[in-house]
Amino acid sequence: KEGDEIKTNMFFDEENYGFKLKYLGKETIEVDVNGSDVKVKTLKFRPY
């Protein structure tokens, strides 16, 4: 649901990190992949 905050654990170099991001909703965007311009449905997130 829009506004949901998601958390998980990660270890990097010599430290533990708490990872959090917010779900911003769905969005259709234009991308240029494998030589073609196409529109793709996406899930949009905001990492902290």
ModelCIF file with pLDDT and N, C-alpha, C, O atoms, coordinates in Angstrom:
data_MODEL
#
_entry.id   MODEL 
#
_entity.id                         1 
_entity.type                       polymer 
_entity.pdbx_number_of_molecules   1 
#
_entity_poly.entity_id                      1 
_entity_poly.type                           'polypeptide(L)' 
_entity_poly.nstd_linkage                   no 
_entity_poly.nstd_monomer                   no 
_entity_poly.pdbx_seq_one_letter_code       KEGDEIKTNMFFDEENYGFKLKYLGKETIEVDVNGSDVKVKTLKFRPY 
_entity_poly.pdbx_seq_one_letter_code_can   KEGDEIKTNMFFDEENYGFKLKYLGKETIEVDVNGSDVKVKTLKFRPY 
_entity_poly.pdbx_strand_id                 A 
#
loop_
_entity_poly_seq.entity_id 
_entity_poly_seq.num 
_entity_poly_seq.mon_id 
_entity_poly_seq.hetero 
1 1  LYS n 
1 2  GLU n 
1 3  GLY n 
1 4  ASP n 
1 5  GLU n 
1 6  ILE n 
1 7  LYS n 
1 8  THR n 
1 9  ASN n 
1 10 MET n 
1 11 PHE n 
1 12 PHE n 
1 13 ASP n 
1 14 GLU n 
1 15 GLU n 
1 16 ASN n 
1 17 TYR n 
1 18 GLY n 
1 19 PHE n 
1 20 LYS n 
1 21 LEU n 
1 22 LYS n 
1 23 TYR n 
1 24 LEU n 
1 25 GLY n 
1 26 LYS n 
1 27 GLU n 
1 28 THR n 
1 29 ILE n 
1 30 GLU n 
1 31 VAL n 
1 32 ASP n 
1 33 VAL n 
1 34 ASN n 
1 35 GLY n 
1 36 SER n 
1 37 ASP n 
1 38 VAL n 
1 39 LYS n 
1 40 VAL n 
1 41 LYS n 
1 42 THR n 
1 43 LEU n 
1 44 LYS n 
1 45 PHE n 
1 46 ARG n 
1 47 PRO n 
1 48 TYR n 
#
_struct_asym.id          A 
_struct_asym.entity_id   1 
#
loop_
_ma_qa_metric.id 
_ma_qa_metric.mode 
_ma_qa_metric.name 
_ma_qa_metric.software_group_id 
_ma_qa_metric.type 
1 global pLDDT . pLDDT 
2 local  pLDDT . pLDDT 
#
_ma_qa_metric_global.metric_id      1 
_ma_qa_metric_global.metric_value   89.31 
_ma_qa_metric_global.model_id       1 
_ma_qa_metric_global.ordinal_id     1 
#
loop_
_ma_qa_metric_local.label_asym_id 
_ma_qa_metric_local.label_comp_id 
_ma_qa_metric_local.label_seq_id 
_ma_qa_metric_local.metric_id 
_ma_qa_metric_local.metric_value 
_ma_qa_metric_local.model_id 
_ma_qa_metric_local.ordinal_id 
A LYS 1  2 91.00 1 1  
A GLU 2  2 94.00 1 2  
A GLY 3  2 90.00 1 3  
A ASP 4  2 89.00 1 4  
A GLU 5  2 84.00 1 5  
A ILE 6  2 78.00 1 6  
A LYS 7  2 80.00 1 7  
A THR 8  2 81.00 1 8  
A ASN 9  2 88.00 1 9  
A MET 10 2 88.00 1 10 
A PHE 11 2 93.00 1 11 
A PHE 12 2 88.00 1 12 
A ASP 13 2 87.00 1 13 
A GLU 14 2 90.00 1 14 
A GLU 15 2 90.00 1 15 
A ASN 16 2 92.00 1 16 
A TYR 17 2 85.00 1 17 
A GLY 18 2 81.00 1 18 
A PHE 19 2 76.00 1 19 
A LYS 20 2 77.00 1 20 
A LEU 21 2 77.00 1 21 
A LYS 22 2 85.00 1 22 
A TYR 23 2 91.00 1 23 
A LEU 24 2 93.00 1 24 
A GLY 25 2 95.00 1 25 
A LYS 26 2 95.00 1 26 
A GLU 27 2 96.00 1 27 
A THR 28 2 96.00 1 28 
A ILE 29 2 96.00 1 29 
A GLU 30 2 95.00 1 30 
A VAL 31 2 95.00 1 31 
A ASP 32 2 95.00 1 32 
A VAL 33 2 95.00 1 33 
A ASN 34 2 95.00 1 34 
A GLY 35 2 94.00 1 35 
A SER 36 2 93.00 1 36 
A ASP 37 2 95.00 1 37 
A VAL 38 2 95.00 1 38 
A LYS 39 2 96.00 1 39 
A VAL 40 2 96.00 1 40 
A LYS 41 2 95.00 1 41 
A THR 42 2 95.00 1 42 
A LEU 43 2 93.00 1 43 
A LYS 44 2 93.00 1 44 
A PHE 45 2 89.00 1 45 
A ARG 46 2 84.00 1 46 
A PRO 47 2 77.00 1 47 
A TYR 48 2 71.00 1 48 
#
loop_
_atom_site.group_PDB 
_atom_site.id 
_atom_site.type_symbol 
_atom_site.label_atom_id 
_atom_site.label_alt_id 
_atom_site.label_comp_id 
_atom_site.label_asym_id 
_atom_site.label_entity_id 
_atom_site.label_seq_id 
_atom_site.pdbx_PDB_ins_code 
_atom_site.Cartn_x 
_atom_site.Cartn_y 
_atom_site.Cartn_z 
_atom_site.occupancy 
_atom_site.B_iso_or_equiv 
_atom_site.pdbx_formal_charge 
_atom_site.auth_seq_id 
_atom_site.auth_comp_id 
_atom_site.auth_asym_id 
_atom_site.auth_atom_id 
_atom_site.pdbx_PDB_model_num 
ATOM 1   N N  . LYS A 1 1  ? 0.854  -1.188 0.000   1.00 91.00 ? 1  LYS A N  1 
ATOM 2   C CA . LYS A 1 1  ? 0.000  0.000  0.000   1.00 91.00 ? 1  LYS A CA 1 
ATOM 3   C C  . LYS A 1 1  ? 0.888  1.235  0.000   1.00 91.00 ? 1  LYS A C  1 
ATOM 4   O O  . LYS A 1 1  ? 1.943  1.250  0.634   1.00 91.00 ? 1  LYS A O  1 
ATOM 5   N N  . GLU A 1 2  ? 0.457  2.272  -0.715  1.00 94.00 ? 2  GLU A N  1 
ATOM 6   C CA . GLU A 1 2  ? 1.236  3.492  -0.802  1.00 94.00 ? 2  GLU A CA 1 
ATOM 7   C C  . GLU A 1 2  ? 1.549  4.010  0.595   1.00 94.00 ? 2  GLU A C  1 
ATOM 8   O O  . GLU A 1 2  ? 0.660  4.139  1.436   1.00 94.00 ? 2  GLU A O  1 
ATOM 9   N N  . GLY A 1 3  ? 2.822  4.303  0.831   1.00 90.00 ? 3  GLY A N  1 
ATOM 10  C CA . GLY A 1 3  ? 3.252  4.780  2.140   1.00 90.00 ? 3  GLY A CA 1 
ATOM 11  C C  . GLY A 1 3  ? 3.827  3.698  3.032   1.00 90.00 ? 3  GLY A C  1 
ATOM 12  O O  . GLY A 1 3  ? 4.403  4.004  4.076   1.00 90.00 ? 3  GLY A O  1 
ATOM 13  N N  . ASP A 1 4  ? 3.683  2.422  2.639   1.00 89.00 ? 4  ASP A N  1 
ATOM 14  C CA . ASP A 1 4  ? 4.267  1.334  3.425   1.00 89.00 ? 4  ASP A CA 1 
ATOM 15  C C  . ASP A 1 4  ? 5.777  1.524  3.554   1.00 89.00 ? 4  ASP A C  1 
ATOM 16  O O  . ASP A 1 4  ? 6.448  1.885  2.586   1.00 89.00 ? 4  ASP A O  1 
ATOM 17  N N  . GLU A 1 5  ? 6.305  1.281  4.750   1.00 84.00 ? 5  GLU A N  1 
ATOM 18  C CA . GLU A 1 5  ? 7.743  1.320  4.978   1.00 84.00 ? 5  GLU A CA 1 
ATOM 19  C C  . GLU A 1 5  ? 8.252  -0.099 5.217   1.00 84.00 ? 5  GLU A C  1 
ATOM 20  O O  . GLU A 1 5  ? 7.668  -0.856 5.992   1.00 84.00 ? 5  GLU A O  1 
ATOM 21  N N  . ILE A 1 6  ? 9.333  -0.444 4.550   1.00 78.00 ? 6  ILE A N  1 
ATOM 22  C CA . ILE A 1 6  ? 9.861  -1.808 4.539   1.00 78.00 ? 6  ILE A CA 1 
ATOM 23  C C  . ILE A 1 6  ? 11.273 -1.794 5.111   1.00 78.00 ? 6  ILE A C  1 
ATOM 24  O O  . ILE A 1 6  ? 12.071 -0.921 4.769   1.00 78.00 ? 6  ILE A O  1 
ATOM 25  N N  . LYS A 1 7  ? 11.590 -2.763 5.989   1.00 80.00 ? 7  LYS A N  1 
ATOM 26  C CA . LYS A 1 7  ? 12.886 -2.789 6.652   1.00 80.00 ? 7  LYS A CA 1 
ATOM 27  C C  . LYS A 1 7  ? 13.554 -4.155 6.502   1.00 80.00 ? 7  LYS A C  1 
ATOM 28  O O  . LYS A 1 7  ? 12.881 -5.181 6.404   1.00 80.00 ? 7  LYS A O  1 
ATOM 29  N N  . THR A 1 8  ? 14.875 -4.151 6.485   1.00 81.00 ? 8  THR A N  1 
ATOM 30  C CA . THR A 1 8  ? 15.640 -5.397 6.458   1.00 81.00 ? 8  THR A CA 1 
ATOM 31  C C  . THR A 1 8  ? 17.042 -5.140 6.998   1.00 81.00 ? 8  THR A C  1 
ATOM 32  O O  . THR A 1 8  ? 17.401 -3.993 7.267   1.00 81.00 ? 8  THR A O  1 
ATOM 33  N N  . ASN A 1 9  ? 17.846 -6.210 7.161   1.00 88.00 ? 9  ASN A N  1 
ATOM 34  C CA . ASN A 1 9  ? 19.202 -6.106 7.717   1.00 88.00 ? 9  ASN A CA 1 
ATOM 35  C C  . ASN A 1 9  ? 20.253 -6.423 6.671   1.00 88.00 ? 9  ASN A C  1 
ATOM 36  O O  . ASN A 1 9  ? 20.078 -7.320 5.846   1.00 88.00 ? 9  ASN A O  1 
ATOM 37  N N  . MET A 1 10 ? 21.365 -5.664 6.714   1.00 88.00 ? 10 MET A N  1 
ATOM 38  C CA . MET A 1 10 ? 22.459 -5.894 5.784   1.00 88.00 ? 10 MET A CA 1 
ATOM 39  C C  . MET A 1 10 ? 23.779 -5.686 6.510   1.00 88.00 ? 10 MET A C  1 
ATOM 40  O O  . MET A 1 10 ? 23.877 -4.861 7.419   1.00 88.00 ? 10 MET A O  1 
ATOM 41  N N  . PHE A 1 11 ? 24.809 -6.455 6.091   1.00 93.00 ? 11 PHE A N  1 
ATOM 42  C CA . PHE A 1 11 ? 26.165 -6.312 6.623   1.00 93.00 ? 11 PHE A CA 1 
ATOM 43  C C  . PHE A 1 11 ? 27.067 -5.856 5.488   1.00 93.00 ? 11 PHE A C  1 
ATOM 44  O O  . PHE A 1 11 ? 27.085 -6.466 4.419   1.00 93.00 ? 11 PHE A O  1 
ATOM 45  N N  . PHE A 1 12 ? 27.822 -4.774 5.722   1.00 88.00 ? 12 PHE A N  1 
ATOM 46  C CA . PHE A 1 12 ? 28.669 -4.196 4.676   1.00 88.00 ? 12 PHE A CA 1 
ATOM 47  C C  . PHE A 1 12 ? 30.002 -3.784 5.280   1.00 88.00 ? 12 PHE A C  1 
ATOM 48  O O  . PHE A 1 12 ? 30.041 -3.045 6.264   1.00 88.00 ? 12 PHE A O  1 
ATOM 49  N N  . ASP A 1 13 ? 31.101 -4.261 4.690   1.00 87.00 ? 13 ASP A N  1 
ATOM 50  C CA . ASP A 1 13 ? 32.455 -4.021 5.185   1.00 87.00 ? 13 ASP A CA 1 
ATOM 51  C C  . ASP A 1 13 ? 32.582 -4.554 6.614   1.00 87.00 ? 13 ASP A C  1 
ATOM 52  O O  . ASP A 1 13 ? 32.823 -5.749 6.785   1.00 87.00 ? 13 ASP A O  1 
ATOM 53  N N  . GLU A 1 14 ? 32.433 -3.731 7.631   1.00 90.00 ? 14 GLU A N  1 
ATOM 54  C CA . GLU A 1 14 ? 32.569 -4.183 9.008   1.00 90.00 ? 14 GLU A CA 1 
ATOM 55  C C  . GLU A 1 14 ? 31.388 -3.755 9.875   1.00 90.00 ? 14 GLU A C  1 
ATOM 56  O O  . GLU A 1 14 ? 31.506 -3.706 11.099  1.00 90.00 ? 14 GLU A O  1 
ATOM 57  N N  . GLU A 1 15 ? 30.245 -3.445 9.248   1.00 90.00 ? 15 GLU A N  1 
ATOM 58  C CA . GLU A 1 15 ? 29.136 -2.901 10.018  1.00 90.00 ? 15 GLU A CA 1 
ATOM 59  C C  . GLU A 1 15 ? 27.802 -3.521 9.628   1.00 90.00 ? 15 GLU A C  1 
ATOM 60  O O  . GLU A 1 15 ? 27.609 -3.969 8.497   1.00 90.00 ? 15 GLU A O  1 
ATOM 61  N N  . ASN A 1 16 ? 26.879 -3.536 10.600  1.00 92.00 ? 16 ASN A N  1 
ATOM 62  C CA . ASN A 1 16 ? 25.490 -3.907 10.363  1.00 92.00 ? 16 ASN A CA 1 
ATOM 63  C C  . ASN A 1 16 ? 24.699 -2.648 10.019  1.00 92.00 ? 16 ASN A C  1 
ATOM 64  O O  . ASN A 1 16 ? 24.871 -1.605 10.651  1.00 92.00 ? 16 ASN A O  1 
ATOM 65  N N  . TYR A 1 17 ? 23.840 -2.750 9.022   1.00 85.00 ? 17 TYR A N  1 
ATOM 66  C CA . TYR A 1 17 ? 23.024 -1.624 8.593   1.00 85.00 ? 17 TYR A CA 1 
ATOM 67  C C  . TYR A 1 17 ? 21.543 -2.006 8.624   1.00 85.00 ? 17 TYR A C  1 
ATOM 68  O O  . TYR A 1 17 ? 21.165 -3.104 8.218   1.00 85.00 ? 17 TYR A O  1 
ATOM 69  N N  . GLY A 1 18 ? 20.723 -1.092 9.107   1.00 81.00 ? 18 GLY A N  1 
ATOM 70  C CA . GLY A 1 18 ? 19.287 -1.228 8.985   1.00 81.00 ? 18 GLY A CA 1 
ATOM 71  C C  . GLY A 1 18 ? 18.833 -0.525 7.729   1.00 81.00 ? 18 GLY A C  1 
ATOM 72  O O  . GLY A 1 18 ? 19.047 0.678  7.583   1.00 81.00 ? 18 GLY A O  1 
ATOM 73  N N  . PHE A 1 19 ? 18.212 -1.248 6.821   1.00 76.00 ? 19 PHE A N  1 
ATOM 74  C CA . PHE A 1 19 ? 17.797 -0.692 5.533   1.00 76.00 ? 19 PHE A CA 1 
ATOM 75  C C  . PHE A 1 19 ? 16.294 -0.452 5.543   1.00 76.00 ? 19 PHE A C  1 
ATOM 76  O O  . PHE A 1 19 ? 15.528 -1.341 5.914   1.00 76.00 ? 19 PHE A O  1 
ATOM 77  N N  . LYS A 1 20 ? 15.864 0.736  5.139   1.00 77.00 ? 20 LYS A N  1 
ATOM 78  C CA . LYS A 1 20 ? 14.445 1.078  5.132   1.00 77.00 ? 20 LYS A CA 1 
ATOM 79  C C  . LYS A 1 20 ? 14.092 1.832  3.858   1.00 77.00 ? 20 LYS A C  1 
ATOM 80  O O  . LYS A 1 20 ? 14.863 2.671  3.392   1.00 77.00 ? 20 LYS A O  1 
ATOM 81  N N  . LEU A 1 21 ? 12.936 1.533  3.302   1.00 77.00 ? 21 LEU A N  1 
ATOM 82  C CA . LEU A 1 21 ? 12.452 2.275  2.146   1.00 77.00 ? 21 LEU A CA 1 
ATOM 83  C C  . LEU A 1 21 ? 10.936 2.375  2.183   1.00 77.00 ? 21 LEU A C  1 
ATOM 84  O O  . LEU A 1 21 ? 10.253 1.595  2.848   1.00 77.00 ? 21 LEU A O  1 
ATOM 85  N N  . LYS A 1 22 ? 10.433 3.357  1.450   1.00 85.00 ? 22 LYS A N  1 
ATOM 86  C CA . LYS A 1 22 ? 8.999  3.628  1.413   1.00 85.00 ? 22 LYS A CA 1 
ATOM 87  C C  . LYS A 1 22 ? 8.449  3.312  0.023   1.00 85.00 ? 22 LYS A C  1 
ATOM 88  O O  . LYS A 1 22 ? 9.063  3.651  -0.989  1.00 85.00 ? 22 LYS A O  1 
ATOM 89  N N  . TYR A 1 23 ? 7.286  2.661  -0.015  1.00 91.00 ? 23 TYR A N  1 
ATOM 90  C CA . TYR A 1 23 ? 6.627  2.358  -1.289  1.00 91.00 ? 23 TYR A CA 1 
ATOM 91  C C  . TYR A 1 23 ? 5.810  3.575  -1.711  1.00 91.00 ? 23 TYR A C  1 
ATOM 92  O O  . TYR A 1 23 ? 4.969  4.059  -0.954  1.00 91.00 ? 23 TYR A O  1 
ATOM 93  N N  . LEU A 1 24 ? 6.062  4.067  -2.930  1.00 93.00 ? 24 LEU A N  1 
ATOM 94  C CA . LEU A 1 24 ? 5.412  5.286  -3.422  1.00 93.00 ? 24 LEU A CA 1 
ATOM 95  C C  . LEU A 1 24 ? 4.266  5.016  -4.382  1.00 93.00 ? 24 LEU A C  1 
ATOM 96  O O  . LEU A 1 24 ? 3.560  5.946  -4.771  1.00 93.00 ? 24 LEU A O  1 
ATOM 97  N N  . GLY A 1 25 ? 4.063  3.752  -4.776  1.00 95.00 ? 25 GLY A N  1 
ATOM 98  C CA . GLY A 1 25 ? 2.970  3.425  -5.678  1.00 95.00 ? 25 GLY A CA 1 
ATOM 99  C C  . GLY A 1 25 ? 3.446  2.935  -7.029  1.00 95.00 ? 25 GLY A C  1 
ATOM 100 O O  . GLY A 1 25 ? 4.638  2.712  -7.240  1.00 95.00 ? 25 GLY A O  1 
ATOM 101 N N  . LYS A 1 26 ? 2.491  2.768  -7.950  1.00 95.00 ? 26 LYS A N  1 
ATOM 102 C CA . LYS A 1 26 ? 2.800  2.280  -9.296  1.00 95.00 ? 26 LYS A CA 1 
ATOM 103 C C  . LYS A 1 26 ? 2.949  3.450  -10.270 1.00 95.00 ? 26 LYS A C  1 
ATOM 104 O O  . LYS A 1 26 ? 2.323  4.497  -10.110 1.00 95.00 ? 26 LYS A O  1 
ATOM 105 N N  . GLU A 1 27 ? 3.794  3.244  -11.283 1.00 96.00 ? 27 GLU A N  1 
ATOM 106 C CA . GLU A 1 27 ? 4.002  4.277  -12.294 1.00 96.00 ? 27 GLU A CA 1 
ATOM 107 C C  . GLU A 1 27 ? 4.454  3.616  -13.598 1.00 96.00 ? 27 GLU A C  1 
ATOM 108 O O  . GLU A 1 27 ? 5.288  2.711  -13.581 1.00 96.00 ? 27 GLU A O  1 
ATOM 109 N N  . THR A 1 28 ? 3.913  4.062  -14.706 1.00 96.00 ? 28 THR A N  1 
ATOM 110 C CA . THR A 1 28 ? 4.368  3.590  -16.015 1.00 96.00 ? 28 THR A CA 1 
ATOM 111 C C  . THR A 1 28 ? 5.414  4.556  -16.530 1.00 96.00 ? 28 THR A C  1 
ATOM 112 O O  . THR A 1 28 ? 5.163  5.758  -16.611 1.00 96.00 ? 28 THR A O  1 
ATOM 113 N N  . ILE A 1 29 ? 6.591  4.042  -16.882 1.00 96.00 ? 29 ILE A N  1 
ATOM 114 C CA . ILE A 1 29 ? 7.671  4.892  -17.348 1.00 96.00 ? 29 ILE A CA 1 
ATOM 115 C C  . ILE A 1 29 ? 8.162  4.410  -18.712 1.00 96.00 ? 29 ILE A C  1 
ATOM 116 O O  . ILE A 1 29 ? 7.910  3.272  -19.107 1.00 96.00 ? 29 ILE A O  1 
ATOM 117 N N  . GLU A 1 30 ? 8.867  5.290  -19.424 1.00 95.00 ? 30 GLU A N  1 
ATOM 118 C CA . GLU A 1 30 ? 9.498  4.940  -20.691 1.00 95.00 ? 30 GLU A CA 1 
ATOM 119 C C  . GLU A 1 30 ? 10.956 4.573  -20.437 1.00 95.00 ? 30 GLU A C  1 
ATOM 120 O O  . GLU A 1 30 ? 11.667 5.289  -19.732 1.00 95.00 ? 30 GLU A O  1 
ATOM 121 N N  . VAL A 1 31 ? 11.397 3.463  -21.010 1.00 95.00 ? 31 VAL A N  1 
ATOM 122 C CA . VAL A 1 31 ? 12.781 3.033  -20.881 1.00 95.00 ? 31 VAL A CA 1 
ATOM 123 C C  . VAL A 1 31 ? 13.321 2.650  -22.263 1.00 95.00 ? 31 VAL A C  1 
ATOM 124 O O  . VAL A 1 31 ? 12.562 2.328  -23.178 1.00 95.00 ? 31 VAL A O  1 
ATOM 125 N N  . ASP A 1 32 ? 14.622 2.691  -22.384 1.00 95.00 ? 32 ASP A N  1 
ATOM 126 C CA . ASP A 1 32 ? 15.289 2.294  -23.627 1.00 95.00 ? 32 ASP A CA 1 
ATOM 127 C C  . ASP A 1 32 ? 16.179 1.106  -23.302 1.00 95.00 ? 32 ASP A C  1 
ATOM 128 O O  . ASP A 1 32 ? 17.314 1.276  -22.858 1.00 95.00 ? 32 ASP A O  1 
ATOM 129 N N  . VAL A 1 33 ? 15.655 -0.114 -23.525 1.00 95.00 ? 33 VAL A N  1 
ATOM 130 C CA . VAL A 1 33 ? 16.399 -1.332 -23.204 1.00 95.00 ? 33 VAL A CA 1 
ATOM 131 C C  . VAL A 1 33 ? 16.516 -2.215 -24.429 1.00 95.00 ? 33 VAL A C  1 
ATOM 132 O O  . VAL A 1 33 ? 15.584 -2.338 -25.225 1.00 95.00 ? 33 VAL A O  1 
ATOM 133 N N  . ASN A 1 34 ? 17.686 -2.830 -24.562 1.00 95.00 ? 34 ASN A N  1 
ATOM 134 C CA . ASN A 1 34 ? 17.967 -3.714 -25.704 1.00 95.00 ? 34 ASN A CA 1 
ATOM 135 C C  . ASN A 1 34 ? 17.666 -3.033 -27.038 1.00 95.00 ? 34 ASN A C  1 
ATOM 136 O O  . ASN A 1 34 ? 17.236 -3.675 -27.997 1.00 95.00 ? 34 ASN A O  1 
ATOM 137 N N  . GLY A 1 35 ? 17.902 -1.709 -27.078 1.00 94.00 ? 35 GLY A N  1 
ATOM 138 C CA . GLY A 1 35 ? 17.766 -0.953 -28.313 1.00 94.00 ? 35 GLY A CA 1 
ATOM 139 C C  . GLY A 1 35 ? 16.361 -0.524 -28.677 1.00 94.00 ? 35 GLY A C  1 
ATOM 140 O O  . GLY A 1 35 ? 16.137 -0.037 -29.785 1.00 94.00 ? 35 GLY A O  1 
ATOM 141 N N  . SER A 1 36 ? 15.398 -0.692 -27.764 1.00 93.00 ? 36 SER A N  1 
ATOM 142 C CA . SER A 1 36 ? 14.014 -0.322 -28.062 1.00 93.00 ? 36 SER A CA 1 
ATOM 143 C C  . SER A 1 36 ? 13.449 0.589  -26.978 1.00 93.00 ? 36 SER A C  1 
ATOM 144 O O  . SER A 1 36 ? 13.672 0.360  -25.789 1.00 93.00 ? 36 SER A O  1 
ATOM 145 N N  . ASP A 1 37 ? 12.715 1.624  -27.393 1.00 95.00 ? 37 ASP A N  1 
ATOM 146 C CA . ASP A 1 37 ? 12.010 2.488  -26.451 1.00 95.00 ? 37 ASP A CA 1 
ATOM 147 C C  . ASP A 1 37 ? 10.653 1.859  -26.150 1.00 95.00 ? 37 ASP A C  1 
ATOM 148 O O  . ASP A 1 37 ? 9.840  1.663  -27.053 1.00 95.00 ? 37 ASP A O  1 
ATOM 149 N N  . VAL A 1 38 ? 10.412 1.544  -24.876 1.00 95.00 ? 38 VAL A N  1 
ATOM 150 C CA . VAL A 1 38 ? 9.168  0.881  -24.494 1.00 95.00 ? 38 VAL A CA 1 
ATOM 151 C C  . VAL A 1 38 ? 8.632  1.502  -23.210 1.00 95.00 ? 38 VAL A C  1 
ATOM 152 O O  . VAL A 1 38 ? 9.360  2.157  -22.464 1.00 95.00 ? 38 VAL A O  1 
ATOM 153 N N  . LYS A 1 39 ? 7.335  1.279  -22.972 1.00 96.00 ? 39 LYS A N  1 
ATOM 154 C CA . LYS A 1 39 ? 6.705  1.701  -21.724 1.00 96.00 ? 39 LYS A CA 1 
ATOM 155 C C  . LYS A 1 39 ? 6.537  0.473  -20.835 1.00 96.00 ? 39 LYS A C  1 
ATOM 156 O O  . LYS A 1 39 ? 6.142  -0.597 -21.298 1.00 96.00 ? 39 LYS A O  1 
ATOM 157 N N  . VAL A 1 40 ? 6.843  0.648  -19.554 1.00 96.00 ? 40 VAL A N  1 
ATOM 158 C CA . VAL A 1 40 ? 6.822  -0.474 -18.621 1.00 96.00 ? 40 VAL A CA 1 
ATOM 159 C C  . VAL A 1 40 ? 6.127  -0.054 -17.324 1.00 96.00 ? 40 VAL A C  1 
ATOM 160 O O  . VAL A 1 40 ? 6.361  1.039  -16.808 1.00 96.00 ? 40 VAL A O  1 
ATOM 161 N N  . LYS A 1 41 ? 5.267  -0.941 -16.803 1.00 95.00 ? 41 LYS A N  1 
ATOM 162 C CA . LYS A 1 41 ? 4.670  -0.698 -15.492 1.00 95.00 ? 41 LYS A CA 1 
ATOM 163 C C  . LYS A 1 41 ? 5.727  -0.954 -14.418 1.00 95.00 ? 41 LYS A C  1 
ATOM 164 O O  . LYS A 1 41 ? 6.442  -1.954 -14.470 1.00 95.00 ? 41 LYS A O  1 
ATOM 165 N N  . THR A 1 42 ? 5.822  -0.044 -13.443 1.00 95.00 ? 42 THR A N  1 
ATOM 166 C CA . THR A 1 42 ? 6.831  -0.183 -12.403 1.00 95.00 ? 42 THR A CA 1 
ATOM 167 C C  . THR A 1 42 ? 6.239  0.007  -11.010 1.00 95.00 ? 42 THR A C  1 
ATOM 168 O O  . THR A 1 42 ? 5.148  0.552  -10.838 1.00 95.00 ? 42 THR A O  1 
ATOM 169 N N  . LEU A 1 43 ? 6.998  -0.461 -10.027 1.00 93.00 ? 43 LEU A N  1 
ATOM 170 C CA . LEU A 1 43 ? 6.762  -0.168 -8.621  1.00 93.00 ? 43 LEU A CA 1 
ATOM 171 C C  . LEU A 1 43 ? 7.807  0.867  -8.221  1.00 93.00 ? 43 LEU A C  1 
ATOM 172 O O  . LEU A 1 43 ? 8.996  0.691  -8.489  1.00 93.00 ? 43 LEU A O  1 
ATOM 173 N N  . LYS A 1 44 ? 7.364  1.943  -7.582  1.00 93.00 ? 44 LYS A N  1 
ATOM 174 C CA . LYS A 1 44 ? 8.251  3.062  -7.269  1.00 93.00 ? 44 LYS A CA 1 
ATOM 175 C C  . LYS A 1 44 ? 8.539  3.097  -5.767  1.00 93.00 ? 44 LYS A C  1 
ATOM 176 O O  . LYS A 1 44 ? 7.629  3.004  -4.944  1.00 93.00 ? 44 LYS A O  1 
ATOM 177 N N  . PHE A 1 45 ? 9.823  3.234  -5.431  1.00 89.00 ? 45 PHE A N  1 
ATOM 178 C CA . PHE A 1 45 ? 10.237 3.217  -4.033  1.00 89.00 ? 45 PHE A CA 1 
ATOM 179 C C  . PHE A 1 45 ? 11.121 4.417  -3.697  1.00 89.00 ? 45 PHE A C  1 
ATOM 180 O O  . PHE A 1 45 ? 11.751 5.002  -4.578  1.00 89.00 ? 45 PHE A O  1 
ATOM 181 N N  . ARG A 1 46 ? 11.158 4.772  -2.419  1.00 84.00 ? 46 ARG A N  1 
ATOM 182 C CA . ARG A 1 46 ? 12.023 5.837  -1.922  1.00 84.00 ? 46 ARG A CA 1 
ATOM 183 C C  . ARG A 1 46 ? 12.889 5.266  -0.794  1.00 84.00 ? 46 ARG A C  1 
ATOM 184 O O  . ARG A 1 46 ? 12.442 5.223  0.352   1.00 84.00 ? 46 ARG A O  1 
ATOM 185 N N  . PRO A 1 47 ? 14.116 4.827  -1.091  1.00 77.00 ? 47 PRO A N  1 
ATOM 186 C CA . PRO A 1 47 ? 15.006 4.333  -0.034  1.00 77.00 ? 47 PRO A CA 1 
ATOM 187 C C  . PRO A 1 47 ? 15.484 5.483  0.845   1.00 77.00 ? 47 PRO A C  1 
ATOM 188 O O  . PRO A 1 47 ? 15.697 6.598  0.368   1.00 77.00 ? 47 PRO A O  1 
ATOM 189 N N  . TYR A 1 48 ? 15.650 5.198  2.137   1.00 71.00 ? 48 TYR A N  1 
ATOM 190 C CA . TYR A 1 48 ? 16.176 6.195  3.066   1.00 71.00 ? 48 TYR A CA 1 
ATOM 191 C C  . TYR A 1 48 ? 17.686 6.069  3.150   1.00 71.00 ? 48 TYR A C  1 
ATOM 192 O O  . TYR A 1 48 ? 18.328 6.822  3.882   1.00 71.00 ? 48 TYR A O  1 
#
